[in-house]
Amino acid sequence: MVVLRMSRQGSKKRPFYRIVAADKRSPRDGRFIDLIGTFDPRTKAFSLDADRYAHWVKVGAQPSETLASLVRRQKAAAAKAS
């Protein structure tokens, strides 16, 4: 099963996350199939390739709760800005 989740990068006390499509059995920071975005919790910078995210959800990938929450928050902010 493929999941969409965040893979931790960066150094100690300075996290940075890659948003990836990965096999559920792979380690959190291990092998992944596709890199679809990034998230920096210190600056709240969030970038996501919406087309790739939609593709993976369409083919059955399950987003993690945290990632789903971030995506909902981004969509709400985009709707509010319009």
PDB file of N, CA and C in Angstrom:
ATOM      1  N   MET A   1       0.835  -1.173   0.000  1.00  0.00           N
ATOM      2  CA  MET A   1       0.000   0.000   0.000  1.00  0.00           C
ATOM      3  C   MET A   1       0.885   1.244   0.000  1.00  0.00           C
ATOM      4  N   VAL A   2       0.501   2.216  -0.802  1.00  0.00           N
ATOM      5  CA  VAL A   2       1.252   3.469  -0.894  1.00  0.00           C
ATOM      6  C   VAL A   2       0.608   4.497   0.031  1.00  0.00           C
ATOM      7  N   VAL A   3       1.455   5.226   0.755  1.00  0.00           N
ATOM      8  CA  VAL A   3       0.978   6.288   1.637  1.00  0.00           C
ATOM      9  C   VAL A   3       1.685   7.591   1.278  1.00  0.00           C
ATOM     10  N   LEU A   4       1.013   8.691   1.537  1.00  0.00           N
ATOM     11  CA  LEU A   4       1.600  10.018   1.377  1.00  0.00           C
ATOM     12  C   LEU A   4       1.936  10.494   2.781  1.00  0.00           C
ATOM     13  N   ARG A   5       3.203  10.806   3.022  1.00  0.00           N
ATOM     14  CA  ARG A   5       3.621  11.191   4.366  1.00  0.00           C
ATOM     15  C   ARG A   5       4.818  12.127   4.304  1.00  0.00           C
ATOM     16  N   MET A   6       5.226  12.590   5.477  1.00  0.00           N
ATOM     17  CA  MET A   6       6.356  13.499   5.562  1.00  0.00           C
ATOM     18  C   MET A   6       7.596  12.733   6.010  1.00  0.00           C
ATOM     19  N   SER A   7       8.693  12.994   5.341  1.00  0.00           N
ATOM     20  CA  SER A   7       9.976  12.377   5.650  1.00  0.00           C
ATOM     21  C   SER A   7      10.869  13.459   6.252  1.00  0.00           C
ATOM     22  N   ARG A   8      11.383  13.231   7.457  1.00  0.00           N
ATOM     23  CA  ARG A   8      12.150  14.265   8.159  1.00  0.00           C
ATOM     24  C   ARG A   8      13.551  14.399   7.588  1.00  0.00           C
ATOM     25  N   GLN A   9      13.934  15.628   7.352  1.00  0.00           N
ATOM     26  CA  GLN A   9      15.272  15.978   6.888  1.00  0.00           C
ATOM     27  C   GLN A   9      15.792  17.061   7.826  1.00  0.00           C
ATOM     28  N   GLY A  10      16.877  17.693   7.484  1.00  0.00           N
ATOM     29  CA  GLY A  10      17.410  18.768   8.306  1.00  0.00           C
ATOM     30  C   GLY A  10      18.297  18.240   9.413  1.00  0.00           C
ATOM     31  N   SER A  11      18.755  19.151  10.246  1.00  0.00           N
ATOM     32  CA  SER A  11      19.650  18.766  11.331  1.00  0.00           C
ATOM     33  C   SER A  11      18.912  18.769  12.662  1.00  0.00           C
ATOM     34  N   LYS A  12      19.626  18.442  13.699  1.00  0.00           N
ATOM     35  CA  LYS A  12      19.042  18.386  15.033  1.00  0.00           C
ATOM     36  C   LYS A  12      18.456  19.748  15.410  1.00  0.00           C
ATOM     37  N   LYS A  13      17.245  19.741  15.922  1.00  0.00           N
ATOM     38  CA  LYS A  13      16.516  20.943  16.355  1.00  0.00           C
ATOM     39  C   LYS A  13      16.116  21.866  15.207  1.00  0.00           C
ATOM     40  N   ARG A  14      16.374  21.467  13.958  1.00  0.00           N
ATOM     41  CA  ARG A  14      16.001  22.268  12.788  1.00  0.00           C
ATOM     42  C   ARG A  14      15.342  21.362  11.750  1.00  0.00           C
ATOM     43  N   PRO A  15      14.136  20.890  12.034  1.00  0.00           N
ATOM     44  CA  PRO A  15      13.494  19.942  11.121  1.00  0.00           C
ATOM     45  C   PRO A  15      13.061  20.584   9.810  1.00  0.00           C
ATOM     46  N   PHE A  16      13.051  19.774   8.795  1.00  0.00           N
ATOM     47  CA  PHE A  16      12.568  20.138   7.470  1.00  0.00           C
ATOM     48  C   PHE A  16      11.984  18.859   6.901  1.00  0.00           C
ATOM     49  N   TYR A  17      10.830  18.928   6.296  1.00  0.00           N
ATOM     50  CA  TYR A  17      10.171  17.709   5.839  1.00  0.00           C
ATOM     51  C   TYR A  17       9.985  17.698   4.328  1.00  0.00           C
ATOM     52  N   ARG A  18      10.205  16.531   3.745  1.00  0.00           N
ATOM     53  CA  ARG A  18       9.843  16.275   2.355  1.00  0.00           C
ATOM     54  C   ARG A  18       8.502  15.559   2.378  1.00  0.00           C
ATOM     55  N   ILE A  19       7.629  15.907   1.472  1.00  0.00           N
ATOM     56  CA  ILE A  19       6.352  15.213   1.357  1.00  0.00           C
ATOM     57  C   ILE A  19       6.528  14.190   0.242  1.00  0.00           C
ATOM     58  N   VAL A  20       6.364  12.920   0.600  1.00  0.00           N
ATOM     59  CA  VAL A  20       6.683  11.840  -0.322  1.00  0.00           C
ATOM     60  C   VAL A  20       5.556  10.824  -0.431  1.00  0.00           C
ATOM     61  N   ALA A  21       5.550  10.114  -1.539  1.00  0.00           N
ATOM     62  CA  ALA A  21       4.720   8.920  -1.704  1.00  0.00           C
ATOM     63  C   ALA A  21       5.668   7.752  -1.458  1.00  0.00           C
ATOM     64  N   ALA A  22       5.306   6.892  -0.513  1.00  0.00           N
ATOM     65  CA  ALA A  22       6.192   5.786  -0.144  1.00  0.00           C
ATOM     66  C   ALA A  22       5.380   4.546   0.176  1.00  0.00           C
ATOM     67  N   ASP A  23       6.030   3.393   0.086  1.00  0.00           N
ATOM     68  CA  ASP A  23       5.404   2.151   0.517  1.00  0.00           C
ATOM     69  C   ASP A  23       5.229   2.212   2.029  1.00  0.00           C
ATOM     70  N   LYS A  24       4.111   1.736   2.504  1.00  0.00           N
ATOM     71  CA  LYS A  24       3.805   1.803   3.936  1.00  0.00           C
ATOM     72  C   LYS A  24       4.852   1.093   4.790  1.00  0.00           C
ATOM     73  N   ARG A  25       5.487   0.061   4.240  1.00  0.00           N
ATOM     74  CA  ARG A  25       6.462  -0.724   4.998  1.00  0.00           C
ATOM     75  C   ARG A  25       7.841  -0.075   5.060  1.00  0.00           C
ATOM     76  N   SER A  26       8.086   0.953   4.243  1.00  0.00           N
ATOM     77  CA  SER A  26       9.386   1.627   4.242  1.00  0.00           C
ATOM     78  C   SER A  26       9.557   2.465   5.504  1.00  0.00           C
ATOM     79  N   PRO A  27      10.799   2.631   5.980  1.00  0.00           N
ATOM     80  CA  PRO A  27      11.032   3.496   7.140  1.00  0.00           C
ATOM     81  C   PRO A  27      10.636   4.943   6.834  1.00  0.00           C
ATOM     82  N   ARG A  28      10.352   5.707   7.874  1.00  0.00           N
ATOM     83  CA  ARG A  28       9.911   7.094   7.707  1.00  0.00           C
ATOM     84  C   ARG A  28      10.852   7.893   6.810  1.00  0.00           C
ATOM     85  N   ASP A  29      12.147   7.769   7.035  1.00  0.00           N
ATOM     86  CA  ASP A  29      13.117   8.542   6.268  1.00  0.00           C
ATOM     87  C   ASP A  29      13.789   7.702   5.190  1.00  0.00           C
ATOM     88  N   GLY A  30      13.218   6.559   4.873  1.00  0.00           N
ATOM     89  CA  GLY A  30      13.834   5.638   3.928  1.00  0.00           C
ATOM     90  C   GLY A  30      13.401   5.863   2.491  1.00  0.00           C
ATOM     91  N   ARG A  31      13.376   4.768   1.772  1.00  0.00           N
ATOM     92  CA  ARG A  31      13.074   4.776   0.351  1.00  0.00           C
ATOM     93  C   ARG A  31      11.683   5.337   0.074  1.00  0.00           C
ATOM     94  N   PHE A  32      11.572   6.142  -0.990  1.00  0.00           N
ATOM     95  CA  PHE A  32      10.273   6.667  -1.389  1.00  0.00           C
ATOM     96  C   PHE A  32      10.104   6.552  -2.891  1.00  0.00           C
ATOM     97  N   ILE A  33       8.871   6.667  -3.343  1.00  0.00           N
ATOM     98  CA  ILE A  33       8.547   6.501  -4.755  1.00  0.00           C
ATOM     99  C   ILE A  33       8.593   7.835  -5.486  1.00  0.00           C
ATOM    100  N   ASP A  34       8.014   8.873  -4.872  1.00  0.00           N
ATOM    101  CA  ASP A  34       7.874  10.165  -5.538  1.00  0.00           C
ATOM    102  C   ASP A  34       7.953  11.286  -4.505  1.00  0.00           C
ATOM    103  N   LEU A  35       8.684  12.338  -4.819  1.00  0.00           N
ATOM    104  CA  LEU A  35       8.766  13.527  -3.978  1.00  0.00           C
ATOM    105  C   LEU A  35       7.742  14.525  -4.506  1.00  0.00           C
ATOM    106  N   ILE A  36       6.769  14.913  -3.673  1.00  0.00           N
ATOM    107  CA  ILE A  36       5.698  15.781  -4.171  1.00  0.00           C
ATOM    108  C   ILE A  36       5.628  17.141  -3.485  1.00  0.00           C
ATOM    109  N   GLY A  37       6.496  17.398  -2.516  1.00  0.00           N
ATOM    110  CA  GLY A  37       6.473  18.709  -1.876  1.00  0.00           C
ATOM    111  C   GLY A  37       7.412  18.799  -0.693  1.00  0.00           C
ATOM    112  N   THR A  38       7.369  19.968  -0.018  1.00  0.00           N
ATOM    113  CA  THR A  38       8.194  20.209   1.158  1.00  0.00           C
ATOM    114  C   THR A  38       7.399  20.985   2.199  1.00  0.00           C
ATOM    115  N   PHE A  39       7.863  20.905   3.447  1.00  0.00           N
ATOM    116  CA  PHE A  39       7.252  21.663   4.537  1.00  0.00           C
ATOM    117  C   PHE A  39       8.332  22.035   5.534  1.00  0.00           C
ATOM    118  N   ASP A  40       8.411  23.331   5.846  1.00  0.00           N
ATOM    119  CA  ASP A  40       9.345  23.826   6.853  1.00  0.00           C
ATOM    120  C   ASP A  40       8.523  24.331   8.035  1.00  0.00           C
ATOM    121  N   PRO A  41       8.481  23.591   9.146  1.00  0.00           N
ATOM    122  CA  PRO A  41       7.647  23.992  10.276  1.00  0.00           C
ATOM    123  C   PRO A  41       8.128  25.255  10.987  1.00  0.00           C
ATOM    124  N   ARG A  42       9.374  25.628  10.808  1.00  0.00           N
ATOM    125  CA  ARG A  42       9.893  26.826  11.478  1.00  0.00           C
ATOM    126  C   ARG A  42       9.359  28.088  10.819  1.00  0.00           C
ATOM    127  N   THR A  43       9.258  28.094   9.497  1.00  0.00           N
ATOM    128  CA  THR A  43       8.752  29.273   8.782  1.00  0.00           C
ATOM    129  C   THR A  43       7.333  29.062   8.276  1.00  0.00           C
ATOM    130  N   LYS A  44       6.795  27.866   8.488  1.00  0.00           N
ATOM    131  CA  LYS A  44       5.462  27.470   8.018  1.00  0.00           C
ATOM    132  C   LYS A  44       5.367  27.477   6.489  1.00  0.00           C
ATOM    133  N   ALA A  45       6.512  27.372   5.806  1.00  0.00           N
ATOM    134  CA  ALA A  45       6.537  27.321   4.345  1.00  0.00           C
ATOM    135  C   ALA A  45       6.093  25.930   3.891  1.00  0.00           C
ATOM    136  N   PHE A  46       5.063  25.896   3.056  1.00  0.00           N
ATOM    137  CA  PHE A  46       4.484  24.637   2.591  1.00  0.00           C
ATOM    138  C   PHE A  46       4.353  24.701   1.082  1.00  0.00           C
ATOM    139  N   SER A  47       4.991  23.782   0.380  1.00  0.00           N
ATOM    140  CA  SER A  47       4.836  23.722  -1.071  1.00  0.00           C
ATOM    141  C   SER A  47       4.454  22.297  -1.443  1.00  0.00           C
ATOM    142  N   LEU A  48       3.501  22.188  -2.351  1.00  0.00           N
ATOM    143  CA  LEU A  48       2.989  20.878  -2.736  1.00  0.00           C
ATOM    144  C   LEU A  48       2.641  20.900  -4.212  1.00  0.00           C
ATOM    145  N   ASP A  49       3.060  19.880  -4.937  1.00  0.00           N
ATOM    146  CA  ASP A  49       2.673  19.721  -6.336  1.00  0.00           C
ATOM    147  C   ASP A  49       1.263  19.132  -6.332  1.00  0.00           C
ATOM    148  N   ALA A  50       0.266  19.993  -6.501  1.00  0.00           N
ATOM    149  CA  ALA A  50      -1.135  19.584  -6.381  1.00  0.00           C
ATOM    150  C   ALA A  50      -1.511  18.506  -7.396  1.00  0.00           C
ATOM    151  N   ASP A  51      -0.940  18.567  -8.598  1.00  0.00           N
ATOM    152  CA  ASP A  51      -1.249  17.560  -9.618  1.00  0.00           C
ATOM    153  C   ASP A  51      -0.758  16.176  -9.188  1.00  0.00           C
ATOM    154  N   ARG A  52       0.471  16.113  -8.668  1.00  0.00           N
ATOM    155  CA  ARG A  52       1.013  14.822  -8.215  1.00  0.00           C
ATOM    156  C   ARG A  52       0.255  14.314  -6.995  1.00  0.00           C
ATOM    157  N   TYR A  53      -0.135  15.211  -6.082  1.00  0.00           N
ATOM    158  CA  TYR A  53      -0.915  14.817  -4.901  1.00  0.00           C
ATOM    159  C   TYR A  53      -2.249  14.218  -5.350  1.00  0.00           C
ATOM    160  N   ALA A  54      -2.930  14.900  -6.270  1.00  0.00           N
ATOM    161  CA  ALA A  54      -4.218  14.405  -6.771  1.00  0.00           C
ATOM    162  C   ALA A  54      -4.044  13.057  -7.473  1.00  0.00           C
ATOM    163  N   HIS A  55      -2.960  12.907  -8.229  1.00  0.00           N
ATOM    164  CA  HIS A  55      -2.689  11.644  -8.915  1.00  0.00           C
ATOM    165  C   HIS A  55      -2.568  10.500  -7.914  1.00  0.00           C
ATOM    166  N   TRP A  56      -1.758  10.698  -6.869  1.00  0.00           N
ATOM    167  CA  TRP A  56      -1.545   9.627  -5.900  1.00  0.00           C
ATOM    168  C   TRP A  56      -2.809   9.296  -5.121  1.00  0.00           C
ATOM    169  N   VAL A  57      -3.601  10.302  -4.792  1.00  0.00           N
ATOM    170  CA  VAL A  57      -4.865  10.038  -4.091  1.00  0.00           C
ATOM    171  C   VAL A  57      -5.815   9.278  -5.016  1.00  0.00           C
ATOM    172  N   LYS A  58      -5.805   9.647  -6.303  1.00  0.00           N
ATOM    173  CA  LYS A  58      -6.677   8.990  -7.281  1.00  0.00           C
ATOM    174  C   LYS A  58      -6.338   7.504  -7.436  1.00  0.00           C
ATOM    175  N   VAL A  59      -5.059   7.164  -7.369  1.00  0.00           N
ATOM    176  CA  VAL A  59      -4.670   5.761  -7.535  1.00  0.00           C
ATOM    177  C   VAL A  59      -4.704   4.984  -6.221  1.00  0.00           C
ATOM    178  N   GLY A  60      -5.167   5.619  -5.142  1.00  0.00           N
ATOM    179  CA  GLY A  60      -5.404   4.888  -3.906  1.00  0.00           C
ATOM    180  C   GLY A  60      -4.443   5.130  -2.763  1.00  0.00           C
ATOM    181  N   ALA A  61      -3.524   6.075  -2.898  1.00  0.00           N
ATOM    182  CA  ALA A  61      -2.596   6.360  -1.798  1.00  0.00           C
ATOM    183  C   ALA A  61      -3.338   7.064  -0.666  1.00  0.00           C
ATOM    184  N   GLN A  62      -3.016   6.700   0.562  1.00  0.00           N
ATOM    185  CA  GLN A  62      -3.655   7.292   1.739  1.00  0.00           C
ATOM    186  C   GLN A  62      -2.730   8.347   2.348  1.00  0.00           C
ATOM    187  N   PRO A  63      -3.184   9.609   2.465  1.00  0.00           N
ATOM    188  CA  PRO A  63      -2.345  10.613   3.128  1.00  0.00           C
ATOM    189  C   PRO A  63      -2.353  10.415   4.640  1.00  0.00           C
ATOM    190  N   SER A  64      -1.248  10.746   5.288  1.00  0.00           N
ATOM    191  CA  SER A  64      -1.195  10.677   6.749  1.00  0.00           C
ATOM    192  C   SER A  64      -2.115  11.756   7.319  1.00  0.00           C
ATOM    193  N   GLU A  65      -2.485  11.616   8.584  1.00  0.00           N
ATOM    194  CA  GLU A  65      -3.372  12.599   9.210  1.00  0.00           C
ATOM    195  C   GLU A  65      -2.747  13.989   9.192  1.00  0.00           C
ATOM    196  N   THR A  66      -1.468  14.072   9.483  1.00  0.00           N
ATOM    197  CA  THR A  66      -0.779  15.361   9.510  1.00  0.00           C
ATOM    198  C   THR A  66      -0.762  15.998   8.131  1.00  0.00           C
ATOM    199  N   LEU A  67      -0.453  15.224   7.115  1.00  0.00           N
ATOM    200  CA  LEU A  67      -0.412  15.751   5.761  1.00  0.00           C
ATOM    201  C   LEU A  67      -1.801  16.168   5.298  1.00  0.00           C
ATOM    202  N   ALA A  68      -2.809  15.369   5.588  1.00  0.00           N
ATOM    203  CA  ALA A  68      -4.175  15.722   5.206  1.00  0.00           C
ATOM    204  C   ALA A  68      -4.589  17.036   5.865  1.00  0.00           C
ATOM    205  N   SER A  69      -4.196  17.234   7.117  1.00  0.00           N
ATOM    206  CA  SER A  69      -4.501  18.471   7.832  1.00  0.00           C
ATOM    207  C   SER A  69      -3.815  19.669   7.178  1.00  0.00           C
ATOM    208  N   LEU A  70      -2.545  19.510   6.797  1.00  0.00           N
ATOM    209  CA  LEU A  70      -1.822  20.596   6.130  1.00  0.00           C
ATOM    210  C   LEU A  70      -2.455  20.945   4.790  1.00  0.00           C
ATOM    211  N   VAL A  71      -2.873  19.939   4.044  1.00  0.00           N
ATOM    212  CA  VAL A  71      -3.493  20.175   2.736  1.00  0.00           C
ATOM    213  C   VAL A  71      -4.823  20.906   2.913  1.00  0.00           C
ATOM    214  N   ARG A  72      -5.628  20.469   3.901  1.00  0.00           N
ATOM    215  CA  ARG A  72      -6.897  21.161   4.177  1.00  0.00           C
ATOM    216  C   ARG A  72      -6.651  22.618   4.551  1.00  0.00           C
ATOM    217  N   ARG A  73      -5.653  22.853   5.380  1.00  0.00           N
ATOM    218  CA  ARG A  73      -5.329  24.213   5.815  1.00  0.00           C
ATOM    219  C   ARG A  73      -4.901  25.077   4.630  1.00  0.00           C
ATOM    220  N   GLN A  74      -4.114  24.498   3.703  1.00  0.00           N
ATOM    221  CA  GLN A  74      -3.670  25.247   2.534  1.00  0.00           C
ATOM    222  C   GLN A  74      -4.848  25.579   1.626  1.00  0.00           C
ATOM    223  N   LYS A  75      -5.754  24.609   1.434  1.00  0.00           N
ATOM    224  CA  LYS A  75      -6.929  24.854   0.593  1.00  0.00           C
ATOM    225  C   LYS A  75      -7.818  25.928   1.198  1.00  0.00           C
ATOM    226  N   ALA A  76      -7.981  25.916   2.523  1.00  0.00           N
ATOM    227  CA  ALA A  76      -8.797  26.926   3.194  1.00  0.00           C
ATOM    228  C   ALA A  76      -8.177  28.311   3.042  1.00  0.00           C
ATOM    229  N   ALA A  77      -6.856  28.393   3.162  1.00  0.00           N
ATOM    230  CA  ALA A  77      -6.169  29.673   3.011  1.00  0.00           C
ATOM    231  C   ALA A  77      -6.289  30.187   1.578  1.00  0.00           C
ATOM    232  N   ALA A  78      -6.208  29.281   0.605  1.00  0.00           N
ATOM    233  CA  ALA A  78      -6.338  29.677  -0.799  1.00  0.00           C
ATOM    234  C   ALA A  78      -7.757  30.163  -1.090  1.00  0.00           C
ATOM    235  N   ALA A  79      -8.751  29.490  -0.517  1.00  0.00           N
ATOM    236  CA  ALA A  79     -10.143  29.895  -0.727  1.00  0.00           C
ATOM    237  C   ALA A  79     -10.418  31.240  -0.057  1.00  0.00           C
ATOM    238  N   LYS A  80      -9.827  31.454   1.104  1.00  0.00           N
ATOM    239  CA  LYS A  80     -10.031  32.705   1.835  1.00  0.00           C
ATOM    240  C   LYS A  80      -9.377  33.872   1.097  1.00  0.00           C
ATOM    241  N   ALA A  81      -8.235  33.619   0.459  1.00  0.00           N
ATOM    242  CA  ALA A  81      -7.516  34.658  -0.274  1.00  0.00           C
ATOM    243  C   ALA A  81      -8.242  35.051  -1.557  1.00  0.00           C
ATOM    244  N   SER A  82      -9.042  34.154  -2.098  1.00  0.00           N
ATOM    245  CA  SER A  82      -9.749  34.438  -3.362  1.00  0.00           C
ATOM    246  C   SER A  82     -10.972  35.285  -3.164  1.00  0.00           C
TER     247      SER A  82
END
